[in-house]
Protein backbone atom coordinates (compact mmCIF):
# COMPACT_ATOMS: atom_id res chain seq x y z
CA MET A 1 112.23 27.16 -39.53
CA ASP A 2 113.65 26.91 -36.04
CA GLU A 3 111.29 29.66 -34.85
CA ILE A 4 108.15 27.54 -35.55
CA LEU A 5 106.77 26.23 -32.21
CA SER A 6 105.88 22.65 -31.80
CA PRO A 7 102.35 21.67 -30.64
CA GLU A 8 103.74 20.81 -27.19
CA GLU A 9 105.38 24.32 -26.85
CA ILE A 10 102.15 26.00 -27.95
CA GLU A 11 100.16 24.06 -25.33
CA ALA A 12 102.68 25.01 -22.70
CA LEU A 13 102.43 28.70 -23.53
CA LEU A 14 98.64 28.69 -23.54
CA GLY A 15 98.63 27.03 -20.17
CA GLU A 16 100.58 29.94 -18.69
CA LEU A 17 98.15 32.56 -19.92
CA PRO A 18 95.86 34.09 -17.27
CA GLU A 19 92.21 33.01 -17.43
CA ARG A 20 89.89 35.53 -19.02
CA SER A 21 86.90 36.73 -17.05
CA SER A 22 83.49 36.68 -18.68
CA GLY A 23 82.37 39.64 -16.59
CA PRO A 24 82.72 43.42 -17.36
CA SER A 25 86.29 44.50 -17.88
CA GLY A 26 87.69 48.01 -18.21
CA ALA A 27 85.73 51.06 -19.16
CA ALA A 28 83.92 49.32 -21.99
CA GLY A 29 82.46 46.64 -19.72
CA ARG A 30 81.89 44.32 -22.67
CA MET A 31 79.93 41.14 -22.11
CA ILE A 32 81.77 38.05 -23.48
CA GLN A 33 79.63 35.13 -24.54
CA GLU A 34 80.47 31.80 -26.06
CA TYR A 35 79.35 31.47 -29.69
CA ASP A 36 78.09 28.17 -30.98
CA LEU A 37 79.34 27.54 -34.53
CA THR A 38 76.65 24.95 -35.02
CA ARG A 39 73.85 27.52 -34.64
CA PRO A 40 71.20 27.13 -37.39
CA THR A 41 71.26 29.55 -40.26
CA ARG A 42 68.23 28.57 -42.22
CA MET A 43 67.16 32.17 -42.72
CA GLY A 44 69.35 34.37 -44.94
CA HIS A 45 71.10 37.53 -43.64
CA SER A 46 68.79 39.67 -45.66
CA GLN A 47 65.77 38.05 -44.08
CA VAL A 48 67.11 38.45 -40.57
CA ASP A 49 67.99 42.10 -41.31
CA ARG A 50 64.45 42.67 -42.51
CA VAL A 51 63.01 41.09 -39.36
CA SER A 52 65.23 43.44 -37.38
CA GLN A 53 63.74 46.37 -39.24
CA LEU A 54 60.19 45.24 -38.55
CA HIS A 55 60.82 44.78 -34.78
CA GLY A 56 62.86 47.93 -34.49
CA ALA A 57 59.86 49.88 -35.79
CA ILE A 58 57.50 48.60 -33.11
CA ALA A 59 59.95 49.08 -30.20
CA GLY A 60 58.78 52.63 -29.65
CA PRO A 61 55.06 51.89 -29.75
CA LEU A 62 55.64 48.93 -27.44
CA GLY A 63 57.31 51.28 -24.96
CA GLU A 64 54.29 53.57 -25.10
CA LYS A 65 51.87 50.70 -24.46
CA LEU A 66 53.89 49.46 -21.49
CA GLY A 67 54.24 53.02 -20.25
CA LYS A 68 50.45 53.41 -20.21
CA LEU A 69 50.01 50.12 -18.43
CA LEU A 70 52.73 50.88 -15.79
CA GLU A 71 51.85 54.62 -15.61
CA CYS A 72 55.46 55.70 -16.05
CA PRO A 73 57.73 56.71 -18.97
CA THR A 74 58.95 53.44 -20.53
CA GLN A 75 61.54 53.02 -23.30
CA VAL A 76 61.89 49.75 -25.34
CA ASP A 77 64.88 49.06 -27.61
CA LEU A 78 65.49 46.16 -29.94
CA ALA A 79 68.63 44.41 -28.67
CA ALA A 80 69.11 41.35 -30.84
CA VAL A 81 67.60 39.15 -33.59
CA GLU A 82 69.39 35.80 -33.89
CA GLN A 83 68.95 32.21 -35.05
CA LEU A 84 69.43 29.57 -32.41
CA ARG A 85 67.90 26.43 -31.06
CA VAL A 86 65.11 26.03 -28.47
CA ASP A 87 67.40 24.64 -25.77
CA ASP A 88 69.86 27.51 -26.31
CA PHE A 89 67.04 30.06 -26.01
CA LEU A 90 65.89 28.51 -22.72
CA LYS A 91 69.46 28.34 -21.39
CA SER A 92 69.96 32.08 -22.09
CA LEU A 93 67.07 33.07 -19.83
CA PRO A 94 67.71 34.10 -16.22
CA GLU A 95 66.89 31.55 -13.55
CA ARG A 96 63.29 31.27 -12.53
CA THR A 97 62.04 33.03 -15.66
CA PRO A 98 58.35 32.09 -16.39
CA VAL A 99 58.06 30.89 -19.97
CA TYR A 100 54.82 30.96 -21.89
CA GLY A 101 54.00 28.88 -24.95
CA LEU A 102 53.10 31.05 -27.94
CA GLY A 103 51.11 30.07 -30.99
CA ASP A 104 47.72 29.41 -32.45
CA GLU A 105 45.02 26.95 -31.33
CA ASN A 106 44.88 25.51 -34.86
CA VAL A 107 48.57 24.70 -35.17
CA GLY A 108 49.69 24.49 -31.55
CA VAL A 109 52.73 26.03 -29.88
CA THR A 110 55.03 27.64 -32.45
CA GLY A 111 57.14 29.77 -30.13
CA LEU A 112 57.97 30.89 -26.62
CA ILE A 113 57.79 34.26 -24.87
CA ALA A 114 59.36 35.31 -21.59
CA ALA A 115 60.27 38.40 -19.57
CA ASP A 116 63.03 38.27 -16.88
CA PRO A 117 61.75 38.02 -13.30
CA THR A 118 63.31 41.32 -12.22
CA PHE A 119 61.29 43.23 -14.73
CA LEU A 120 58.10 41.28 -14.04
CA VAL A 121 58.30 41.80 -10.25
CA GLY A 122 58.93 45.50 -10.74
CA ALA A 123 56.11 45.78 -13.27
CA ILE A 124 53.67 44.02 -10.93
CA ASP A 125 54.73 46.38 -8.14
CA ARG A 126 53.86 49.34 -10.39
CA MET A 127 50.50 47.82 -11.33
CA LEU A 128 49.66 47.45 -7.65
CA GLY A 129 50.53 51.09 -6.90
CA GLY A 130 54.16 50.75 -5.89
CA LEU A 131 57.32 52.45 -7.21
CA GLY A 132 58.28 49.57 -9.49
CA GLU A 133 61.00 48.23 -7.23
CA ALA A 134 62.23 44.63 -7.53
CA GLU A 135 64.52 42.46 -5.47
CA PRO A 136 68.16 42.52 -6.65
CA ALA A 137 68.05 38.77 -6.94
CA ALA A 138 65.10 37.31 -8.81
CA ARG A 139 62.91 34.96 -6.77
CA GLU A 140 60.18 32.47 -7.46
CA MET A 141 57.03 34.30 -8.46
CA THR A 142 53.81 33.57 -6.60
CA PRO A 143 50.65 32.30 -8.30
CA THR A 144 49.02 35.76 -7.86
CA GLU A 145 52.02 37.45 -9.49
CA LEU A 146 51.96 34.95 -12.40
CA ALA A 147 48.30 35.75 -12.92
CA LEU A 148 49.10 39.44 -13.09
CA THR A 149 51.81 38.89 -15.72
CA GLU A 150 49.00 38.02 -18.15
CA ASN A 151 48.16 41.74 -18.18
CA LEU A 152 51.65 42.32 -19.64
CA MET A 153 51.14 39.69 -22.31
CA ALA A 154 48.41 41.65 -24.09
CA PRO A 155 50.60 44.62 -25.27
CA LEU A 156 53.47 42.19 -26.03
CA LEU A 157 51.33 39.99 -28.24
CA ALA A 158 49.80 43.01 -29.92
CA ALA A 159 53.28 44.42 -30.68
CA ILE A 160 54.47 41.08 -32.12
CA SER A 161 51.40 40.85 -34.34
CA GLU A 162 51.96 44.42 -35.50
CA ALA A 163 55.57 43.63 -36.39
CA TRP A 164 54.64 40.73 -38.60
CA ALA A 165 51.46 42.29 -40.09
CA GLU A 166 53.43 44.12 -42.76
CA VAL A 167 54.58 40.74 -44.18
CA GLN A 168 52.05 38.11 -43.14
CA PRO A 169 49.14 38.42 -40.67
CA MET A 170 49.77 36.01 -37.82
CA ARG A 171 47.71 35.27 -34.75
CA PHE A 172 49.55 35.04 -31.53
CA GLN A 173 48.12 33.85 -28.21
CA VAL A 174 49.34 32.27 -24.99
CA LEU A 175 48.71 28.47 -25.14
CA SER A 176 50.66 27.20 -22.16
CA GLN A 177 51.37 28.69 -18.73
CA PRO A 178 54.57 28.40 -16.58
CA GLY A 179 54.69 25.17 -14.68
CA GLU A 180 52.85 23.19 -17.40
CA PRO A 181 54.72 20.61 -19.57
CA ARG A 182 58.31 21.59 -20.19
CA PRO A 183 58.53 24.85 -22.21
CA GLY A 184 59.40 24.11 -25.79
CA GLU A 185 58.42 20.41 -25.53
CA ASP A 186 56.13 20.80 -28.50
CA LEU A 187 58.89 22.40 -30.50
CA GLY A 188 61.74 20.01 -29.66
CA GLY A 189 64.94 21.05 -27.94
CA ASP A 190 67.01 20.95 -31.10
CA ALA A 191 64.42 22.78 -33.24
CA PRO A 192 65.83 25.98 -34.91
CA VAL A 193 64.05 29.16 -33.92
CA LEU A 194 64.37 32.87 -34.55
CA GLY A 195 64.90 34.71 -31.27
CA ILE A 196 64.14 38.42 -30.67
CA THR A 197 65.26 40.36 -27.60
CA PHE A 198 63.92 43.67 -26.42
CA LEU A 199 65.48 45.77 -23.58
CA VAL A 200 63.07 47.78 -21.35
CA GLY A 201 64.26 50.96 -19.66
CA GLY A 202 62.97 54.34 -18.50
CA SER A 203 61.96 55.59 -15.10
CA GLY A 204 60.10 52.40 -14.17
CA PRO A 205 61.10 48.66 -14.01
CA THR A 206 63.91 47.62 -16.34
CA GLY A 207 64.83 44.25 -17.86
CA SER A 208 64.53 42.21 -21.02
CA ILE A 209 61.68 40.64 -22.96
CA ARG A 210 62.41 37.74 -25.31
CA TYR A 211 60.43 35.61 -27.66
CA CYS A 212 61.20 33.07 -30.34
CA LEU A 213 59.34 31.48 -33.23
CA ALA A 214 59.99 28.14 -34.83
CA THR A 215 61.85 28.54 -38.09
CA LYS A 216 59.85 25.74 -39.60
CA HIS A 217 56.64 27.63 -38.83
CA LEU A 218 58.05 30.85 -40.26
CA GLU A 219 59.13 29.07 -43.44
CA ALA A 220 55.52 27.82 -43.88
CA GLN A 221 54.05 31.22 -43.23
CA LEU A 222 56.56 33.23 -45.25
CA SER A 223 56.27 31.40 -48.53
CA GLY A 224 55.54 32.81 -51.98
CA GLU A 225 54.29 36.37 -51.86
CA SER A 226 54.90 36.76 -48.14
CA SER A 227 58.58 35.84 -48.62
CA GLN A 228 58.94 38.55 -51.23
CA LYS A 229 57.39 41.07 -48.87
CA LEU A 230 59.90 40.09 -46.24
CA LEU A 231 62.82 40.54 -48.60
CA ASN A 232 61.71 43.65 -50.38
CA ALA A 233 62.74 46.20 -47.75
CA PRO A 234 62.27 49.82 -48.80
CA GLU A 235 65.51 51.29 -50.09
CA PRO A 236 66.82 54.35 -48.17
CA ALA A 237 66.29 57.63 -50.06
CA GLY A 238 69.39 59.40 -51.45
CA ASP A 239 73.01 58.43 -51.69
CA PRO A 240 73.73 55.81 -48.91
CA ARG A 241 77.20 57.21 -48.48
CA VAL A 242 75.80 60.64 -47.54
CA ALA A 243 73.31 59.00 -45.18
CA LYS A 244 76.22 57.19 -43.50
CA ILE A 245 78.17 60.35 -43.08
CA LEU A 246 75.20 62.20 -41.64
CA ARG A 247 74.39 59.44 -39.17
CA GLU A 248 77.92 59.83 -37.71
CA VAL A 249 77.57 63.63 -37.08
CA ASP A 250 77.34 64.44 -33.36
CA LEU A 251 74.55 66.83 -32.33
CA THR A 252 73.98 68.41 -28.97
CA LEU A 253 70.62 67.93 -27.29
CA SER A 254 69.47 69.86 -24.31
CA CYS A 255 66.40 69.45 -22.11
CA VAL A 256 64.42 72.46 -20.77
CA LEU A 257 62.97 71.86 -17.35
CA GLY A 258 60.90 74.99 -17.48
CA HIS A 259 60.79 78.78 -17.75
CA ALA A 260 60.08 81.57 -15.21
CA ARG A 261 59.46 85.27 -15.39
CA VAL A 262 61.06 87.14 -12.49
CA PRO A 263 60.91 90.84 -11.78
CA LEU A 264 64.29 92.49 -11.82
CA ALA A 265 63.88 93.74 -8.28
CA GLU A 266 63.41 90.17 -7.03
CA LEU A 267 66.22 88.85 -9.12
CA SER A 268 68.69 91.35 -7.54
CA ASP A 269 67.62 90.23 -4.00
CA MET A 270 67.91 86.48 -4.63
CA ALA A 271 70.31 84.44 -2.52
CA PRO A 272 71.25 80.81 -2.24
CA GLY A 273 68.28 78.83 -0.95
CA ASP A 274 65.69 80.82 -2.73
CA VAL A 275 63.23 78.86 -4.90
CA ILE A 276 62.04 79.90 -8.37
CA PRO A 277 58.75 78.32 -9.36
CA LEU A 278 58.64 77.27 -13.03
CA GLU A 279 55.78 77.69 -15.39
CA ARG A 280 55.68 73.98 -16.29
CA GLY A 281 53.85 71.56 -13.98
CA ILE A 282 55.48 68.33 -12.86
CA ASP A 283 52.98 66.33 -14.98
CA GLN A 284 53.73 68.21 -18.17
CA PRO A 285 56.29 66.99 -20.72
CA LEU A 286 59.73 68.57 -21.02
CA GLU A 287 61.10 70.23 -24.17
CA ILE A 288 64.15 68.64 -25.85
CA LEU A 289 66.07 71.02 -28.00
CA CYS A 290 68.43 70.55 -30.97
CA ALA A 291 70.15 73.57 -32.51
CA GLY A 292 67.89 75.87 -30.56
CA HIS A 293 64.65 74.33 -31.74
CA VAL A 294 62.22 72.04 -29.89
CA LYS A 295 62.42 68.68 -31.68
CA PHE A 296 61.03 66.29 -29.03
CA ARG A 297 59.03 66.18 -25.88
CA GLY A 298 59.50 63.67 -23.00
CA TYR A 299 59.70 63.03 -19.28
CA ALA A 300 62.61 63.01 -16.92
CA GLY A 301 63.78 59.78 -15.34
CA HIS A 302 66.81 57.69 -14.84
CA ARG A 303 68.60 54.81 -16.61
CA ARG A 304 71.54 52.76 -15.44
CA GLY A 305 72.32 55.12 -12.57
CA ARG A 306 72.24 58.35 -14.66
CA LEU A 307 69.64 61.04 -15.29
CA ALA A 308 67.76 60.46 -18.55
CA VAL A 309 64.80 61.70 -20.56
CA SER A 310 62.31 59.33 -22.11
CA ILE A 311 61.13 60.70 -25.51
CA THR A 312 57.34 60.39 -25.87
CA GLU A 313 56.69 62.68 -28.84
CA ARG A 314 58.60 63.65 -31.94
CA LEU A 315 57.56 66.99 -33.43
CA GLN A 316 57.10 67.24 -37.17
CA GLU A 317 59.13 69.80 -39.13
CA ASN A 318 56.26 72.26 -39.20
CA ASP A 319 55.61 71.90 -35.46
CA ALA A 320 59.21 72.45 -34.35
CA ALA A 321 59.61 75.89 -32.91
CA PRO A 322 62.43 77.98 -31.30
CA ALA A 323 62.75 77.51 -27.60
CA MET A 324 61.13 80.22 -25.42
CA PRO A 325 63.92 82.25 -23.89
CA ALA A 326 63.90 83.01 -20.23
CA ALA A 327 62.54 86.54 -19.61
CA VAL A 328 63.24 89.01 -16.92
CA GLU A 329 60.66 91.66 -16.11
CA GLY A 330 61.87 95.14 -15.37
């Protein structure tokens, strides 16, 4: 019993421990965040998981819509679905983030939607003919830029409506602009909400898009038959243990930039500095191979400082074909 530390000894030991940094640490670069144990949990885990499935399914189409608007390959990934309060949602946004009130004219503001300023400034630069570059540090957006962000709201609202359409048709429109009465005032700072976060990447502007809906409103909408639709997620086909094993198998993907046919005489005379024109034009999609067969098509770009390929088309089983081997003419 002598080895049990007293409360005073425990406090003394904790005081000597080095402070932990909340920034990236080591190779993993994990982001450490405080977790509020008082967060609302009015929706069950199965309901939240189902909402994640719904929004994960529209991430790809949302990327295509933004890509057409910005005229560059754009990839959107679902990052998080969580239950929190309005004030926590607002505090989690980067500084100077424009926040729009989301809802229906008949019921008023039932949620909030926002995109971080770095992404917005880059997207506006793309829409004005630029390269999609944004200042490293977000700044206050001008009235003209705020007006242009409304062009980004259309595909976002369409994607959100598409996500919920499978369960309950909901109408989403922007009811309040940035700078109007405090965002979330109609909801109440302590009101529980369901927050959804998307990450935007690709060869254009990058950042996050977030929106939240009042849990009270969702409970009213998702009652009766709609609630059953939300919970009745389709079961995965086959033995789930086999599916789990298959999902953990590593496969090698390769991207083909192009092909060329070169006479043997020219090939023998080639030297460093010579250029080989490829058959594929710079505006044509690249072939992405798996096990020697073309499975996807996409466009080259970069993400987080590394070369990347944004997938724009997934070939069906009947369409997948062996890759064309490089040929040499004699």
